[in-house]
């Protein structure tokens, strides 16, 4: 695999992880429950939207990592996802809003975690 391919794969994994973290954090702020089913479905949606495939075990690992980051690491990094700012995390077509400071900070955490 060429170095540029490895960089693309690493970037895609970071984007997927960040999407999962944002989704589970948003879901928690709205329902006050850590919903594994939301992580699973969000992973499927993101992979399908980006025309990518990922082994089931890797999906499970990223999902578990997303839950850990959302549950513990966001608070430790001073990132709070409240009901009032959930909408700012996503664009109109439910993709990450990279212009949002919270998303930028989440992405930094996700890249660090990988």
C-alpha atoms as a PDB file:
ATOM      1  CA  UNK A   1       0.000   0.000   0.000  1.00  0.00           C
ATOM      2  CA  UNK A   2       1.393   3.398  -0.979  1.00  0.00           C
ATOM      3  CA  UNK A   3       1.966   6.040   1.675  1.00  0.00           C
ATOM      4  CA  UNK A   4      -0.784   8.245   0.215  1.00  0.00           C
ATOM      5  CA  UNK A   5      -3.217   5.308   0.469  1.00  0.00           C
ATOM      6  CA  UNK A   6      -2.258   4.808   4.113  1.00  0.00           C
ATOM      7  CA  UNK A   7      -2.806   8.522   4.776  1.00  0.00           C
ATOM      8  CA  UNK A   8      -6.254   8.342   3.144  1.00  0.00           C
ATOM      9  CA  UNK A   9      -7.204   5.294   5.218  1.00  0.00           C
ATOM     10  CA  UNK A  10      -5.982   6.991   8.424  1.00  0.00           C
ATOM     11  CA  UNK A  11      -7.950  10.143   7.599  1.00  0.00           C
ATOM     12  CA  UNK A  12     -11.096   8.128   6.816  1.00  0.00           C
ATOM     13  CA  UNK A  13     -10.805   6.228  10.114  1.00  0.00           C
ATOM     14  CA  UNK A  14     -10.394   9.503  12.020  1.00  0.00           C
ATOM     15  CA  UNK A  15     -13.406  11.016  10.245  1.00  0.00           C
ATOM     16  CA  UNK A  16     -15.533   7.950  10.955  1.00  0.00           C
ATOM     17  CA  UNK A  17     -14.466   7.901  14.608  1.00  0.00           C
ATOM     18  CA  UNK A  18     -15.232  11.607  14.959  1.00  0.00           C
ATOM     19  CA  UNK A  19     -18.642  11.098  13.336  1.00  0.00           C
ATOM     20  CA  UNK A  20     -19.376   8.286  15.798  1.00  0.00           C
ATOM     21  CA  UNK A  21     -18.225  10.357  18.780  1.00  0.00           C
ATOM     22  CA  UNK A  22     -20.362  13.305  17.676  1.00  0.00           C
ATOM     23  CA  UNK A  23     -23.349  11.045  17.070  1.00  0.00           C
ATOM     24  CA  UNK A  24     -23.152   9.254  20.410  1.00  0.00           C
ATOM     25  CA  UNK A  25     -22.493  12.506  22.308  1.00  0.00           C
ATOM     26  CA  UNK A  26     -25.449  14.156  20.581  1.00  0.00           C
ATOM     27  CA  UNK A  27     -27.643  11.137  21.246  1.00  0.00           C
ATOM     28  CA  UNK A  28     -26.651  11.153  24.920  1.00  0.00           C
ATOM     29  CA  UNK A  29     -27.407  14.855  25.283  1.00  0.00           C
ATOM     30  CA  UNK A  30     -30.899  14.239  23.879  1.00  0.00           C
ATOM     31  CA  UNK A  31     -31.781  10.908  25.552  1.00  0.00           C
ATOM     32  CA  UNK A  32     -29.453  10.697  28.582  1.00  0.00           C
ATOM     33  CA  UNK A  33     -28.570   7.143  27.510  1.00  0.00           C
ATOM     34  CA  UNK A  34     -25.436   5.698  25.944  1.00  0.00           C
ATOM     35  CA  UNK A  35     -27.009   4.045  22.905  1.00  0.00           C
ATOM     36  CA  UNK A  36     -24.865   1.351  21.277  1.00  0.00           C
ATOM     37  CA  UNK A  37     -27.516   0.883  18.594  1.00  0.00           C
ATOM     38  CA  UNK A  38     -26.962   4.496  17.506  1.00  0.00           C
ATOM     39  CA  UNK A  39     -23.232   3.826  17.149  1.00  0.00           C
ATOM     40  CA  UNK A  40     -23.851   0.726  15.026  1.00  0.00           C
ATOM     41  CA  UNK A  41     -26.343   2.438  12.732  1.00  0.00           C
ATOM     42  CA  UNK A  42     -24.231   5.604  12.454  1.00  0.00           C
ATOM     43  CA  UNK A  43     -21.241   3.518  11.424  1.00  0.00           C
ATOM     44  CA  UNK A  44     -23.286   1.795   8.714  1.00  0.00           C
ATOM     45  CA  UNK A  45     -24.639   5.114   7.456  1.00  0.00           C
ATOM     46  CA  UNK A  46     -21.197   6.754   7.326  1.00  0.00           C
ATOM     47  CA  UNK A  47     -19.561   3.816   5.545  1.00  0.00           C
ATOM     48  CA  UNK A  48     -22.393   3.573   3.009  1.00  0.00           C
ATOM     49  CA  UNK A  49     -22.380   7.355   2.385  1.00  0.00           C
ATOM     50  CA  UNK A  50     -18.626   7.315   1.799  1.00  0.00           C
ATOM     51  CA  UNK A  51     -18.675   4.133  -0.309  1.00  0.00           C
ATOM     52  CA  UNK A  52     -16.297   2.386   2.082  1.00  0.00           C
ATOM     53  CA  UNK A  53     -16.154  -1.040   3.658  1.00  0.00           C
ATOM     54  CA  UNK A  54     -14.740  -2.021   7.031  1.00  0.00           C
ATOM     55  CA  UNK A  55     -14.296  -5.403   8.665  1.00  0.00           C
ATOM     56  CA  UNK A  56     -16.883  -6.055  11.400  1.00  0.00           C
ATOM     57  CA  UNK A  57     -14.244  -6.367  14.124  1.00  0.00           C
ATOM     58  CA  UNK A  58     -12.743  -3.002  13.200  1.00  0.00           C
ATOM     59  CA  UNK A  59     -16.243  -1.473  13.302  1.00  0.00           C
ATOM     60  CA  UNK A  60     -16.727  -2.900  16.800  1.00  0.00           C
ATOM     61  CA  UNK A  61     -13.357  -1.532  17.946  1.00  0.00           C
ATOM     62  CA  UNK A  62     -14.072   1.944  16.568  1.00  0.00           C
ATOM     63  CA  UNK A  63     -17.549   1.882  18.097  1.00  0.00           C
ATOM     64  CA  UNK A  64     -16.161   0.987  21.511  1.00  0.00           C
ATOM     65  CA  UNK A  65     -13.521   3.702  21.185  1.00  0.00           C
ATOM     66  CA  UNK A  66     -16.209   6.231  20.193  1.00  0.00           C
ATOM     67  CA  UNK A  67     -18.238   5.385  23.286  1.00  0.00           C
ATOM     68  CA  UNK A  68     -15.147   5.699  25.490  1.00  0.00           C
ATOM     69  CA  UNK A  69     -14.184   9.065  24.008  1.00  0.00           C
ATOM     70  CA  UNK A  70     -17.733  10.419  24.253  1.00  0.00           C
ATOM     71  CA  UNK A  71     -18.259   9.095  27.771  1.00  0.00           C
ATOM     72  CA  UNK A  72     -14.914  10.025  29.344  1.00  0.00           C
ATOM     73  CA  UNK A  73     -12.523  11.932  27.130  1.00  0.00           C
ATOM     74  CA  UNK A  74     -14.779  14.761  25.930  1.00  0.00           C
ATOM     75  CA  UNK A  75     -15.434  15.929  29.468  1.00  0.00           C
ATOM     76  CA  UNK A  76     -11.743  15.649  30.326  1.00  0.00           C
ATOM     77  CA  UNK A  77     -10.908  17.826  27.309  1.00  0.00           C
ATOM     78  CA  UNK A  78     -13.477  20.422  28.345  1.00  0.00           C
ATOM     79  CA  UNK A  79     -15.881  19.561  25.533  1.00  0.00           C
ATOM     80  CA  UNK A  80     -19.544  19.588  26.463  1.00  0.00           C
ATOM     81  CA  UNK A  81     -22.271  18.633  24.018  1.00  0.00           C
ATOM     82  CA  UNK A  82     -25.529  20.152  25.161  1.00  0.00           C
ATOM     83  CA  UNK A  83     -28.985  19.847  23.622  1.00  0.00           C
ATOM     84  CA  UNK A  84     -28.731  23.446  22.483  1.00  0.00           C
ATOM     85  CA  UNK A  85     -25.594  22.852  20.384  1.00  0.00           C
ATOM     86  CA  UNK A  86     -26.305  19.396  18.914  1.00  0.00           C
ATOM     87  CA  UNK A  87     -27.538  20.873  15.640  1.00  0.00           C
ATOM     88  CA  UNK A  88     -24.271  22.808  15.159  1.00  0.00           C
ATOM     89  CA  UNK A  89     -22.281  19.543  15.067  1.00  0.00           C
ATOM     90  CA  UNK A  90     -23.856  18.456  11.782  1.00  0.00           C
ATOM     91  CA  UNK A  91     -24.656  19.914   8.390  1.00  0.00           C
ATOM     92  CA  UNK A  92     -28.145  19.801   6.915  1.00  0.00           C
ATOM     93  CA  UNK A  93     -27.418  16.404   5.357  1.00  0.00           C
ATOM     94  CA  UNK A  94     -26.123  14.973   8.667  1.00  0.00           C
ATOM     95  CA  UNK A  95     -22.427  15.126   7.919  1.00  0.00           C
ATOM     96  CA  UNK A  96     -19.949  16.585  10.369  1.00  0.00           C
ATOM     97  CA  UNK A  97     -19.789  20.366  10.408  1.00  0.00           C
ATOM     98  CA  UNK A  98     -16.039  20.903  10.312  1.00  0.00           C
ATOM     99  CA  UNK A  99     -16.539  24.654  10.766  1.00  0.00           C
ATOM    100  CA  UNK A 100     -17.818  23.953  14.294  1.00  0.00           C
ATOM    101  CA  UNK A 101     -15.129  24.401  16.957  1.00  0.00           C
ATOM    102  CA  UNK A 102     -16.480  21.471  18.971  1.00  0.00           C
ATOM    103  CA  UNK A 103     -16.149  19.169  15.949  1.00  0.00           C
ATOM    104  CA  UNK A 104     -12.593  20.402  15.370  1.00  0.00           C
ATOM    105  CA  UNK A 105     -11.708  19.614  18.975  1.00  0.00           C
ATOM    106  CA  UNK A 106     -13.403  16.189  18.722  1.00  0.00           C
ATOM    107  CA  UNK A 107     -11.405  15.442  15.566  1.00  0.00           C
ATOM    108  CA  UNK A 108      -8.151  16.279  17.377  1.00  0.00           C
ATOM    109  CA  UNK A 109      -9.109  13.854  20.177  1.00  0.00           C
ATOM    110  CA  UNK A 110     -10.010  11.154  17.673  1.00  0.00           C
ATOM    111  CA  UNK A 111      -6.758  11.493  15.734  1.00  0.00           C
ATOM    112  CA  UNK A 112      -4.856  11.312  18.995  1.00  0.00           C
ATOM    113  CA  UNK A 113      -6.790   8.193  20.060  1.00  0.00           C
ATOM    114  CA  UNK A 114      -5.947   6.366  16.857  1.00  0.00           C
END
